[in-house]
Amino acid sequence: MASVWHVPVTTTDTGSTFGTGSTTALRLFRLRDGRRCAVGFSSPEALAALLGPDQAHTELAEPALRDLTAPLRVDALVLDPRLVAPPVATPAAPPAPAPTAQLQHR
C-alpha cells in the first residue's frame, strides 16, 4: 500500500456566472539549482511546522503526485523538506576611505 503524503496546495475563489466556486492547485517549489519540485510531508504536523498552521494541504499517494506533476515537467519530489535558504554572500569589507587632501593657502 502506498503511503500518504500531505501536499501543500493553494485554493482560490473562482467566481463564475453560475455561482461561486474554488480552484485547488498544488504548490510547487524550487530546488537550489532552480528546478521546480513538488513537496510532500509525512504528517500534517511536519507540514505545519515548516509552512505554518494555515497552509492548506491535501493527501496524495506518491504515484498520484508524480502523475499530477509529470505534465508540468516536474520530476523532482521531496519528502519532508527542511527550510533551506540560498547561501548568503559575506559582504566584502568596505573600501578604505580615500585620503583627504589638505589644501594650503599661500
PDB file of N, CA and C in Angstrom:
ATOM      1  N   MET A   1       0.841  -1.189   0.000  1.00  0.00           N
ATOM      2  CA  MET A   1       0.000   0.000   0.000  1.00  0.00           C
ATOM      3  C   MET A   1       0.878   1.241   0.000  1.00  0.00           C
ATOM      4  N   ALA A   2       0.518   2.219  -0.827  1.00  0.00           N
ATOM      5  CA  ALA A   2       1.286   3.455  -0.934  1.00  0.00           C
ATOM      6  C   ALA A   2       1.055   4.321   0.295  1.00  0.00           C
ATOM      7  N   SER A   3       2.118   4.979   0.732  1.00  0.00           N
ATOM      8  CA  SER A   3       1.971   5.863   1.881  1.00  0.00           C
ATOM      9  C   SER A   3       1.320   7.174   1.433  1.00  0.00           C
ATOM     10  N   VAL A   4       0.698   7.833   2.372  1.00  0.00           N
ATOM     11  CA  VAL A   4       0.010   9.090   2.093  1.00  0.00           C
ATOM     12  C   VAL A   4       0.960  10.248   2.352  1.00  0.00           C
ATOM     13  N   TRP A   5       1.060  11.142   1.398  1.00  0.00           N
ATOM     14  CA  TRP A   5       1.836  12.366   1.558  1.00  0.00           C
ATOM     15  C   TRP A   5       0.861  13.513   1.784  1.00  0.00           C
ATOM     16  N   HIS A   6       1.223  14.425   2.644  1.00  0.00           N
ATOM     17  CA  HIS A   6       0.440  15.638   2.884  1.00  0.00           C
ATOM     18  C   HIS A   6       1.090  16.723   2.037  1.00  0.00           C
ATOM     19  N   VAL A   7       0.370  17.155   1.000  1.00  0.00           N
ATOM     20  CA  VAL A   7       0.927  18.005  -0.040  1.00  0.00           C
ATOM     21  C   VAL A   7       0.318  19.398   0.054  1.00  0.00           C
ATOM     22  N   PRO A   8       1.149  20.454   0.118  1.00  0.00           N
ATOM     23  CA  PRO A   8       0.610  21.810   0.197  1.00  0.00           C
ATOM     24  C   PRO A   8      -0.079  22.216  -1.100  1.00  0.00           C
ATOM     25  N   VAL A   9      -1.191  22.917  -0.942  1.00  0.00           N
ATOM     26  CA  VAL A   9      -1.971  23.400  -2.083  1.00  0.00           C
ATOM     27  C   VAL A   9      -2.352  24.860  -1.846  1.00  0.00           C
ATOM     28  N   THR A  10      -2.771  25.513  -2.910  1.00  0.00           N
ATOM     29  CA  THR A  10      -3.374  26.834  -2.812  1.00  0.00           C
ATOM     30  C   THR A  10      -4.805  26.722  -3.309  1.00  0.00           C
ATOM     31  N   THR A  11      -5.677  27.481  -2.707  1.00  0.00           N
ATOM     32  CA  THR A  11      -7.078  27.489  -3.117  1.00  0.00           C
ATOM     33  C   THR A  11      -7.466  28.920  -3.435  1.00  0.00           C
ATOM     34  N   THR A  12      -8.064  29.117  -4.596  1.00  0.00           N
ATOM     35  CA  THR A  12      -8.507  30.458  -4.990  1.00  0.00           C
ATOM     36  C   THR A  12      -9.982  30.413  -5.324  1.00  0.00           C
ATOM     37  N   ASP A  13     -10.656  31.492  -5.019  1.00  0.00           N
ATOM     38  CA  ASP A  13     -12.069  31.605  -5.385  1.00  0.00           C
ATOM     39  C   ASP A  13     -12.162  31.922  -6.867  1.00  0.00           C
ATOM     40  N   THR A  14     -13.079  31.250  -7.532  1.00  0.00           N
ATOM     41  CA  THR A  14     -13.282  31.474  -8.965  1.00  0.00           C
ATOM     42  C   THR A  14     -14.731  31.841  -9.188  1.00  0.00           C
ATOM     43  N   GLY A  15     -15.062  33.058  -8.873  1.00  0.00           N
ATOM     44  CA  GLY A  15     -16.440  33.492  -9.084  1.00  0.00           C
ATOM     45  C   GLY A  15     -16.845  33.246 -10.521  1.00  0.00           C
ATOM     46  N   SER A  16     -17.918  32.554 -10.711  1.00  0.00           N
ATOM     47  CA  SER A  16     -18.384  32.275 -12.070  1.00  0.00           C
ATOM     48  C   SER A  16     -19.811  32.786 -12.205  1.00  0.00           C
ATOM     49  N   THR A  17     -20.308  32.765 -13.409  1.00  0.00           N
ATOM     50  CA  THR A  17     -21.670  33.244 -13.643  1.00  0.00           C
ATOM     51  C   THR A  17     -22.710  32.312 -13.036  1.00  0.00           C
ATOM     52  N   PHE A  18     -22.307  31.089 -12.706  1.00  0.00           N
ATOM     53  CA  PHE A  18     -23.245  30.128 -12.138  1.00  0.00           C
ATOM     54  C   PHE A  18     -23.108  30.012 -10.624  1.00  0.00           C
ATOM     55  N   GLY A  19     -22.442  30.957 -10.022  1.00  0.00           N
ATOM     56  CA  GLY A  19     -22.229  30.908  -8.579  1.00  0.00           C
ATOM     57  C   GLY A  19     -20.752  30.969  -8.265  1.00  0.00           C
ATOM     58  N   THR A  20     -20.455  30.773  -7.022  1.00  0.00           N
ATOM     59  CA  THR A  20     -19.043  30.832  -6.646  1.00  0.00           C
ATOM     60  C   THR A  20     -18.472  29.428  -6.598  1.00  0.00           C
ATOM     61  N   GLY A  21     -17.211  29.352  -6.819  1.00  0.00           N
ATOM     62  CA  GLY A  21     -16.508  28.073  -6.773  1.00  0.00           C
ATOM     63  C   GLY A  21     -15.085  28.320  -6.336  1.00  0.00           C
ATOM     64  N   SER A  22     -14.324  27.278  -6.331  1.00  0.00           N
ATOM     65  CA  SER A  22     -12.926  27.447  -5.978  1.00  0.00           C
ATOM     66  C   SER A  22     -12.083  26.481  -6.802  1.00  0.00           C
ATOM     67  N   THR A  23     -10.815  26.835  -6.929  1.00  0.00           N
ATOM     68  CA  THR A  23      -9.852  26.010  -7.633  1.00  0.00           C
ATOM     69  C   THR A  23      -8.732  25.676  -6.668  1.00  0.00           C
ATOM     70  N   THR A  24      -8.329  24.428  -6.651  1.00  0.00           N
ATOM     71  CA  THR A  24      -7.225  23.995  -5.807  1.00  0.00           C
ATOM     72  C   THR A  24      -6.072  23.591  -6.706  1.00  0.00           C
ATOM     73  N   ALA A  25      -4.879  24.083  -6.384  1.00  0.00           N
ATOM     74  CA  ALA A  25      -3.688  23.776  -7.178  1.00  0.00           C
ATOM     75  C   ALA A  25      -2.546  23.376  -6.252  1.00  0.00           C
ATOM     76  N   LEU A  26      -1.701  22.484  -6.742  1.00  0.00           N
ATOM     77  CA  LEU A  26      -0.521  22.094  -5.979  1.00  0.00           C
ATOM     78  C   LEU A  26       0.422  23.282  -5.868  1.00  0.00           C
ATOM     79  N   ARG A  27       1.040  23.426  -4.716  1.00  0.00           N
ATOM     80  CA  ARG A  27       2.115  24.411  -4.574  1.00  0.00           C
ATOM     81  C   ARG A  27       3.398  23.757  -5.033  1.00  0.00           C
ATOM     82  N   LEU A  28       4.077  24.395  -5.943  1.00  0.00           N
ATOM     83  CA  LEU A  28       5.374  23.907  -6.397  1.00  0.00           C
ATOM     84  C   LEU A  28       6.460  24.781  -5.803  1.00  0.00           C
ATOM     85  N   PHE A  29       7.623  24.199  -5.630  1.00  0.00           N
ATOM     86  CA  PHE A  29       8.747  24.894  -5.032  1.00  0.00           C
ATOM     87  C   PHE A  29       9.938  24.768  -5.966  1.00  0.00           C
ATOM     88  N   ARG A  30      11.063  25.334  -5.569  1.00  0.00           N
ATOM     89  CA  ARG A  30      12.284  25.238  -6.373  1.00  0.00           C
ATOM     90  C   ARG A  30      13.408  24.643  -5.540  1.00  0.00           C
ATOM     91  N   LEU A  31      14.191  23.813  -6.222  1.00  0.00           N
ATOM     92  CA  LEU A  31      15.400  23.286  -5.614  1.00  0.00           C
ATOM     93  C   LEU A  31      16.478  24.369  -5.695  1.00  0.00           C
ATOM     94  N   ARG A  32      17.573  24.167  -4.994  1.00  0.00           N
ATOM     95  CA  ARG A  32      18.645  25.162  -5.007  1.00  0.00           C
ATOM     96  C   ARG A  32      19.184  25.418  -6.407  1.00  0.00           C
ATOM     97  N   ASP A  33      19.106  24.412  -7.281  1.00  0.00           N
ATOM     98  CA  ASP A  33      19.625  24.597  -8.638  1.00  0.00           C
ATOM     99  C   ASP A  33      18.594  25.240  -9.565  1.00  0.00           C
ATOM    100  N   GLY A  34      17.427  25.600  -9.022  1.00  0.00           N
ATOM    101  CA  GLY A  34      16.417  26.307  -9.807  1.00  0.00           C
ATOM    102  C   GLY A  34      15.320  25.433 -10.388  1.00  0.00           C
ATOM    103  N   ARG A  35      15.520  24.096 -10.383  1.00  0.00           N
ATOM    104  CA  ARG A  35      14.476  23.217 -10.926  1.00  0.00           C
ATOM    105  C   ARG A  35      13.258  23.245 -10.022  1.00  0.00           C
ATOM    106  N   ARG A  36      12.071  23.118 -10.650  1.00  0.00           N
ATOM    107  CA  ARG A  36      10.833  23.042  -9.870  1.00  0.00           C
ATOM    108  C   ARG A  36      10.695  21.657  -9.263  1.00  0.00           C
ATOM    109  N   CYS A  37      10.073  21.623  -8.091  1.00  0.00           N
ATOM    110  CA  CYS A  37       9.829  20.344  -7.443  1.00  0.00           C
ATOM    111  C   CYS A  37       8.502  20.408  -6.700  1.00  0.00           C
ATOM    112  N   ALA A  38       7.953  19.242  -6.432  1.00  0.00           N
ATOM    113  CA  ALA A  38       6.765  19.121  -5.592  1.00  0.00           C
ATOM    114  C   ALA A  38       7.235  18.591  -4.247  1.00  0.00           C
ATOM    115  N   VAL A  39       6.580  19.021  -3.187  1.00  0.00           N
ATOM    116  CA  VAL A  39       6.963  18.542  -1.865  1.00  0.00           C
ATOM    117  C   VAL A  39       5.780  17.866  -1.198  1.00  0.00           C
ATOM    118  N   GLY A  40       6.102  16.958  -0.310  1.00  0.00           N
ATOM    119  CA  GLY A  40       5.096  16.281   0.492  1.00  0.00           C
ATOM    120  C   GLY A  40       5.653  16.095   1.888  1.00  0.00           C
ATOM    121  N   PHE A  41       4.764  15.901   2.819  1.00  0.00           N
ATOM    122  CA  PHE A  41       5.158  15.733   4.211  1.00  0.00           C
ATOM    123  C   PHE A  41       4.568  14.442   4.742  1.00  0.00           C
ATOM    124  N   SER A  42       5.263  13.828   5.670  1.00  0.00           N
ATOM    125  CA  SER A  42       4.807  12.558   6.220  1.00  0.00           C
ATOM    126  C   SER A  42       3.674  12.741   7.220  1.00  0.00           C
ATOM    127  N   SER A  43       3.446  13.968   7.672  1.00  0.00           N
ATOM    128  CA  SER A  43       2.346  14.226   8.607  1.00  0.00           C
ATOM    129  C   SER A  43       1.892  15.675   8.470  1.00  0.00           C
ATOM    130  N   PRO A  44       0.649  15.960   8.864  1.00  0.00           N
ATOM    131  CA  PRO A  44       0.187  17.349   8.845  1.00  0.00           C
ATOM    132  C   PRO A  44       1.008  18.222   9.787  1.00  0.00           C
ATOM    133  N   GLU A  45       1.511  17.629  10.872  1.00  0.00           N
ATOM    134  CA  GLU A  45       2.308  18.392  11.832  1.00  0.00           C
ATOM    135  C   GLU A  45       3.636  18.830  11.208  1.00  0.00           C
ATOM    136  N   ALA A  46       4.254  17.947  10.420  1.00  0.00           N
ATOM    137  CA  ALA A  46       5.509  18.303   9.753  1.00  0.00           C
ATOM    138  C   ALA A  46       5.275  19.421   8.747  1.00  0.00           C
ATOM    139  N   LEU A  47       4.160  19.355   8.024  1.00  0.00           N
ATOM    140  CA  LEU A  47       3.818  20.401   7.067  1.00  0.00           C
ATOM    141  C   LEU A  47       3.622  21.726   7.792  1.00  0.00           C
ATOM    142  N   ALA A  48       2.846  21.724   8.874  1.00  0.00           N
ATOM    143  CA  ALA A  48       2.570  22.957   9.620  1.00  0.00           C
ATOM    144  C   ALA A  48       3.835  23.526  10.251  1.00  0.00           C
ATOM    145  N   ALA A  49       4.750  22.665  10.673  1.00  0.00           N
ATOM    146  CA  ALA A  49       5.983  23.143  11.297  1.00  0.00           C
ATOM    147  C   ALA A  49       6.831  23.942  10.323  1.00  0.00           C
ATOM    148  N   LEU A  50       6.807  23.575   9.045  1.00  0.00           N
ATOM    149  CA  LEU A  50       7.633  24.272   8.063  1.00  0.00           C
ATOM    150  C   LEU A  50       6.883  25.397   7.354  1.00  0.00           C
ATOM    151  N   LEU A  51       5.624  25.154   6.998  1.00  0.00           N
ATOM    152  CA  LEU A  51       4.885  26.121   6.184  1.00  0.00           C
ATOM    153  C   LEU A  51       3.835  26.909   6.961  1.00  0.00           C
ATOM    154  N   GLY A  52       3.653  26.581   8.224  1.00  0.00           N
ATOM    155  CA  GLY A  52       2.696  27.318   9.047  1.00  0.00           C
ATOM    156  C   GLY A  52       1.382  26.582   9.180  1.00  0.00           C
ATOM    157  N   PRO A  53       0.664  26.847  10.270  1.00  0.00           N
ATOM    158  CA  PRO A  53      -0.576  26.122  10.547  1.00  0.00           C
ATOM    159  C   PRO A  53      -1.723  26.441   9.594  1.00  0.00           C
ATOM    160  N   ASP A  54      -1.633  27.539   8.871  1.00  0.00           N
ATOM    161  CA  ASP A  54      -2.712  27.915   7.957  1.00  0.00           C
ATOM    162  C   ASP A  54      -2.517  27.397   6.535  1.00  0.00           C
ATOM    163  N   GLN A  55      -1.432  26.658   6.303  1.00  0.00           N
ATOM    164  CA  GLN A  55      -1.174  26.135   4.956  1.00  0.00           C
ATOM    165  C   GLN A  55      -2.181  25.038   4.625  1.00  0.00           C
ATOM    166  N   ALA A  56      -2.942  25.258   3.559  1.00  0.00           N
ATOM    167  CA  ALA A  56      -3.892  24.237   3.101  1.00  0.00           C
ATOM    168  C   ALA A  56      -3.098  23.075   2.505  1.00  0.00           C
ATOM    169  N   HIS A  57      -3.665  21.867   2.628  1.00  0.00           N
ATOM    170  CA  HIS A  57      -2.997  20.708   2.048  1.00  0.00           C
ATOM    171  C   HIS A  57      -4.016  19.646   1.683  1.00  0.00           C
ATOM    172  N   THR A  58      -3.562  18.712   0.881  1.00  0.00           N
ATOM    173  CA  THR A  58      -4.377  17.574   0.502  1.00  0.00           C
ATOM    174  C   THR A  58      -3.537  16.313   0.691  1.00  0.00           C
ATOM    175  N   GLU A  59      -4.191  15.183   0.728  1.00  0.00           N
ATOM    176  CA  GLU A  59      -3.484  13.917   0.894  1.00  0.00           C
ATOM    177  C   GLU A  59      -3.406  13.201  -0.449  1.00  0.00           C
ATOM    178  N   LEU A  60      -2.188  12.821  -0.819  1.00  0.00           N
ATOM    179  CA  LEU A  60      -1.965  12.107  -2.076  1.00  0.00           C
ATOM    180  C   LEU A  60      -0.937  11.016  -1.854  1.00  0.00           C
ATOM    181  N   ALA A  61      -1.071   9.933  -2.597  1.00  0.00           N
ATOM    182  CA  ALA A  61      -0.022   8.920  -2.623  1.00  0.00           C
ATOM    183  C   ALA A  61       1.061   9.403  -3.587  1.00  0.00           C
ATOM    184  N   GLU A  62       2.278   8.930  -3.399  1.00  0.00           N
ATOM    185  CA  GLU A  62       3.389   9.362  -4.257  1.00  0.00           C
ATOM    186  C   GLU A  62       3.095   9.167  -5.743  1.00  0.00           C
ATOM    187  N   PRO A  63       2.548   8.012  -6.179  1.00  0.00           N
ATOM    188  CA  PRO A  63       2.267   7.859  -7.618  1.00  0.00           C
ATOM    189  C   PRO A  63       1.283   8.912  -8.139  1.00  0.00           C
ATOM    190  N   ALA A  64       0.301   9.274  -7.343  1.00  0.00           N
ATOM    191  CA  ALA A  64      -0.662  10.296  -7.778  1.00  0.00           C
ATOM    192  C   ALA A  64       0.028  11.650  -7.913  1.00  0.00           C
ATOM    193  N   LEU A  65       0.915  11.969  -6.975  1.00  0.00           N
ATOM    194  CA  LEU A  65       1.643  13.239  -7.053  1.00  0.00           C
ATOM    195  C   LEU A  65       2.537  13.260  -8.285  1.00  0.00           C
ATOM    196  N   ARG A  66       3.189  12.141  -8.581  1.00  0.00           N
ATOM    197  CA  ARG A  66       4.020  12.061  -9.795  1.00  0.00           C
ATOM    198  C   ARG A  66       3.162  12.240 -11.051  1.00  0.00           C
ATOM    199  N   ASP A  67       1.987  11.609 -11.068  1.00  0.00           N
ATOM    200  CA  ASP A  67       1.095  11.736 -12.228  1.00  0.00           C
ATOM    201  C   ASP A  67       0.612  13.175 -12.425  1.00  0.00           C
ATOM    202  N   LEU A  68       0.356  13.875 -11.324  1.00  0.00           N
ATOM    203  CA  LEU A  68      -0.116  15.262 -11.430  1.00  0.00           C
ATOM    204  C   LEU A  68       0.978  16.218 -11.880  1.00  0.00           C
ATOM    205  N   THR A  69       2.217  15.951 -11.505  1.00  0.00           N
ATOM    206  CA  THR A  69       3.297  16.879 -11.831  1.00  0.00           C
ATOM    207  C   THR A  69       4.002  16.564 -13.149  1.00  0.00           C
ATOM    208  N   ALA A  70       3.852  15.347 -13.660  1.00  0.00           N
ATOM    209  CA  ALA A  70       4.535  14.961 -14.900  1.00  0.00           C
ATOM    210  C   ALA A  70       4.197  15.870 -16.082  1.00  0.00           C
ATOM    211  N   PRO A  71       2.926  16.236 -16.320  1.00  0.00           N
ATOM    212  CA  PRO A  71       2.641  17.114 -17.455  1.00  0.00           C
ATOM    213  C   PRO A  71       3.274  18.502 -17.316  1.00  0.00           C
ATOM    214  N   LEU A  72       3.639  18.859 -16.097  1.00  0.00           N
ATOM    215  CA  LEU A  72       4.282  20.151 -15.850  1.00  0.00           C
ATOM    216  C   LEU A  72       5.800  20.060 -15.941  1.00  0.00           C
ATOM    217  N   ARG A  73       6.283  18.862 -16.308  1.00  0.00           N
ATOM    218  CA  ARG A  73       7.719  18.574 -16.407  1.00  0.00           C
ATOM    219  C   ARG A  73       8.423  18.751 -15.066  1.00  0.00           C
ATOM    220  N   VAL A  74       7.700  18.423 -14.010  1.00  0.00           N
ATOM    221  CA  VAL A  74       8.279  18.417 -12.669  1.00  0.00           C
ATOM    222  C   VAL A  74       8.530  16.962 -12.321  1.00  0.00           C
ATOM    223  N   ASP A  75       9.803  16.600 -12.222  1.00  0.00           N
ATOM    224  CA  ASP A  75      10.115  15.205 -11.925  1.00  0.00           C
ATOM    225  C   ASP A  75      10.770  15.021 -10.562  1.00  0.00           C
ATOM    226  N   ALA A  76      10.994  16.098  -9.848  1.00  0.00           N
ATOM    227  CA  ALA A  76      11.612  16.002  -8.527  1.00  0.00           C
ATOM    228  C   ALA A  76      10.541  16.093  -7.441  1.00  0.00           C
ATOM    229  N   LEU A  77      10.520  15.099  -6.567  1.00  0.00           N
ATOM    230  CA  LEU A  77       9.637  15.112  -5.406  1.00  0.00           C
ATOM    231  C   LEU A  77      10.517  15.101  -4.164  1.00  0.00           C
ATOM    232  N   VAL A  78      10.133  15.892  -3.175  1.00  0.00           N
ATOM    233  CA  VAL A  78      10.900  15.967  -1.936  1.00  0.00           C
ATOM    234  C   VAL A  78       9.961  15.649  -0.781  1.00  0.00           C
ATOM    235  N   LEU A  79      10.330  14.662   0.010  1.00  0.00           N
ATOM    236  CA  LEU A  79       9.531  14.290   1.176  1.00  0.00           C
ATOM    237  C   LEU A  79      10.167  14.908   2.419  1.00  0.00           C
ATOM    238  N   ASP A  80       9.350  15.570   3.224  1.00  0.00           N
ATOM    239  CA  ASP A  80       9.781  16.220   4.461  1.00  0.00           C
ATOM    240  C   ASP A  80      10.986  17.133   4.257  1.00  0.00           C
ATOM    241  N   PRO A  81      10.826  18.151   3.398  1.00  0.00           N
ATOM    242  CA  PRO A  81      11.950  19.074   3.179  1.00  0.00           C
ATOM    243  C   PRO A  81      12.226  19.891   4.432  1.00  0.00           C
ATOM    244  N   ARG A  82      13.440  20.375   4.493  1.00  0.00           N
ATOM    245  CA  ARG A  82      13.807  21.318   5.542  1.00  0.00           C
ATOM    246  C   ARG A  82      13.942  22.679   4.889  1.00  0.00           C
ATOM    247  N   LEU A  83      13.744  23.712   5.672  1.00  0.00           N
ATOM    248  CA  LEU A  83      13.899  25.060   5.142  1.00  0.00           C
ATOM    249  C   LEU A  83      15.361  25.284   4.823  1.00  0.00           C
ATOM    250  N   VAL A  84      15.620  25.610   3.583  1.00  0.00           N
ATOM    251  CA  VAL A  84      16.983  25.883   3.151  1.00  0.00           C
ATOM    252  C   VAL A  84      16.955  27.197   2.395  1.00  0.00           C
ATOM    253  N   ALA A  85      17.652  28.136   2.925  1.00  0.00           N
ATOM    254  CA  ALA A  85      17.748  29.435   2.267  1.00  0.00           C
ATOM    255  C   ALA A  85      18.966  29.431   1.350  1.00  0.00           C
ATOM    256  N   PRO A  86      18.936  30.271   0.337  1.00  0.00           N
ATOM    257  CA  PRO A  86      20.111  30.347  -0.524  1.00  0.00           C
ATOM    258  C   PRO A  86      21.320  30.801   0.294  1.00  0.00           C
ATOM    259  N   PRO A  87      22.505  30.412  -0.119  1.00  0.00           N
ATOM    260  CA  PRO A  87      23.680  30.837   0.623  1.00  0.00           C
ATOM    261  C   PRO A  87      23.765  32.355   0.656  1.00  0.00           C
ATOM    262  N   VAL A  88      24.150  32.863   1.791  1.00  0.00           N
ATOM    263  CA  VAL A  88      24.276  34.308   1.949  1.00  0.00           C
ATOM    264  C   VAL A  88      25.726  34.676   1.715  1.00  0.00           C
ATOM    265  N   ALA A  89      25.927  35.572   0.782  1.00  0.00           N
ATOM    266  CA  ALA A  89      27.284  36.024   0.497  1.00  0.00           C
ATOM    267  C   ALA A  89      27.746  36.939   1.623  1.00  0.00           C
ATOM    268  N   THR A  90      28.965  36.714   2.053  1.00  0.00           N
ATOM    269  CA  THR A  90      29.532  37.588   3.074  1.00  0.00           C
ATOM    270  C   THR A  90      29.878  38.905   2.413  1.00  0.00           C
ATOM    271  N   PRO A  91      29.353  39.997   2.962  1.00  0.00           N
ATOM    272  CA  PRO A  91      29.646  41.273   2.303  1.00  0.00           C
ATOM    273  C   PRO A  91      31.140  41.574   2.383  1.00  0.00           C
ATOM    274  N   ALA A  92      31.645  42.101   1.299  1.00  0.00           N
ATOM    275  CA  ALA A  92      33.058  42.471   1.260  1.00  0.00           C
ATOM    276  C   ALA A  92      33.272  43.666   2.184  1.00  0.00           C
ATOM    277  N   ALA A  93      34.458  43.748   2.705  1.00  0.00           N
ATOM    278  CA  ALA A  93      34.777  44.897   3.559  1.00  0.00           C
ATOM    279  C   ALA A  93      34.669  46.153   2.717  1.00  0.00           C
ATOM    280  N   PRO A  94      34.123  47.213   3.298  1.00  0.00           N
ATOM    281  CA  PRO A  94      34.010  48.452   2.504  1.00  0.00           C
ATOM    282  C   PRO A  94      35.407  48.958   2.173  1.00  0.00           C
ATOM    283  N   PRO A  95      35.523  49.598   1.036  1.00  0.00           N
ATOM    284  CA  PRO A  95      36.845  50.096   0.654  1.00  0.00           C
ATOM    285  C   PRO A  95      37.312  51.138   1.669  1.00  0.00           C
ATOM    286  N   ALA A  96      38.612  51.186   1.850  1.00  0.00           N
ATOM    287  CA  ALA A  96      39.165  52.177   2.768  1.00  0.00           C
ATOM    288  C   ALA A  96      38.887  53.562   2.207  1.00  0.00           C
ATOM    289  N   PRO A  97      38.573  54.497   3.076  1.00  0.00           N
ATOM    290  CA  PRO A  97      38.290  55.847   2.560  1.00  0.00           C
ATOM    291  C   PRO A  97      39.546  56.429   1.909  1.00  0.00           C
ATOM    292  N   ALA A  98      39.305  57.170   0.866  1.00  0.00           N
ATOM    293  CA  ALA A  98      40.416  57.812   0.174  1.00  0.00           C
ATOM    294  C   ALA A  98      41.008  58.874   1.097  1.00  0.00           C
ATOM    295  N   PRO A  99      42.318  59.029   1.052  1.00  0.00           N
ATOM    296  CA  PRO A  99      42.895  60.053   1.903  1.00  0.00           C
ATOM    297  C   PRO A  99      42.366  61.418   1.494  1.00  0.00           C
ATOM    298  N   THR A 100      42.116  62.228   2.468  1.00  0.00           N
ATOM    299  CA  THR A 100      41.617  63.573   2.169  1.00  0.00           C
ATOM    300  C   THR A 100      42.801  64.499   1.923  1.00  0.00           C
ATOM    301  N   ALA A 101      42.646  65.283   0.923  1.00  0.00           N
ATOM    302  CA  ALA A 101      43.712  66.231   0.591  1.00  0.00           C
ATOM    303  C   ALA A 101      43.552  67.465   1.474  1.00  0.00           C
ATOM    304  N   GLN A 102      44.685  67.957   1.948  1.00  0.00           N
ATOM    305  CA  GLN A 102      44.679  69.177   2.749  1.00  0.00           C
ATOM    306  C   GLN A 102      45.108  70.327   1.834  1.00  0.00           C
ATOM    307  N   LEU A 103      44.239  71.276   1.706  1.00  0.00           N
ATOM    308  CA  LEU A 103      44.569  72.437   0.879  1.00  0.00           C
ATOM    309  C   LEU A 103      45.275  73.456   1.772  1.00  0.00           C
ATOM    310  N   GLN A 104      46.313  74.028   1.222  1.00  0.00           N
ATOM    311  CA  GLN A 104      47.034  75.069   1.945  1.00  0.00           C
ATOM    312  C   GLN A 104      46.864  76.374   1.195  1.00  0.00           C
ATOM    313  N   HIS A 105      46.647  77.428   1.940  1.00  0.00           N
ATOM    314  CA  HIS A 105      46.546  78.768   1.321  1.00  0.00           C
ATOM    315  C   HIS A 105      47.924  79.383   1.359  1.00  0.00           C
ATOM    316  N   ARG A 106      48.334  80.021   0.290  1.00  0.00           N
ATOM    317  CA  ARG A 106      49.619  80.719   0.256  1.00  0.00           C
ATOM    318  C   ARG A 106      49.408  82.166   0.105  1.00  0.00           C
TER     319      ARG A 106
END
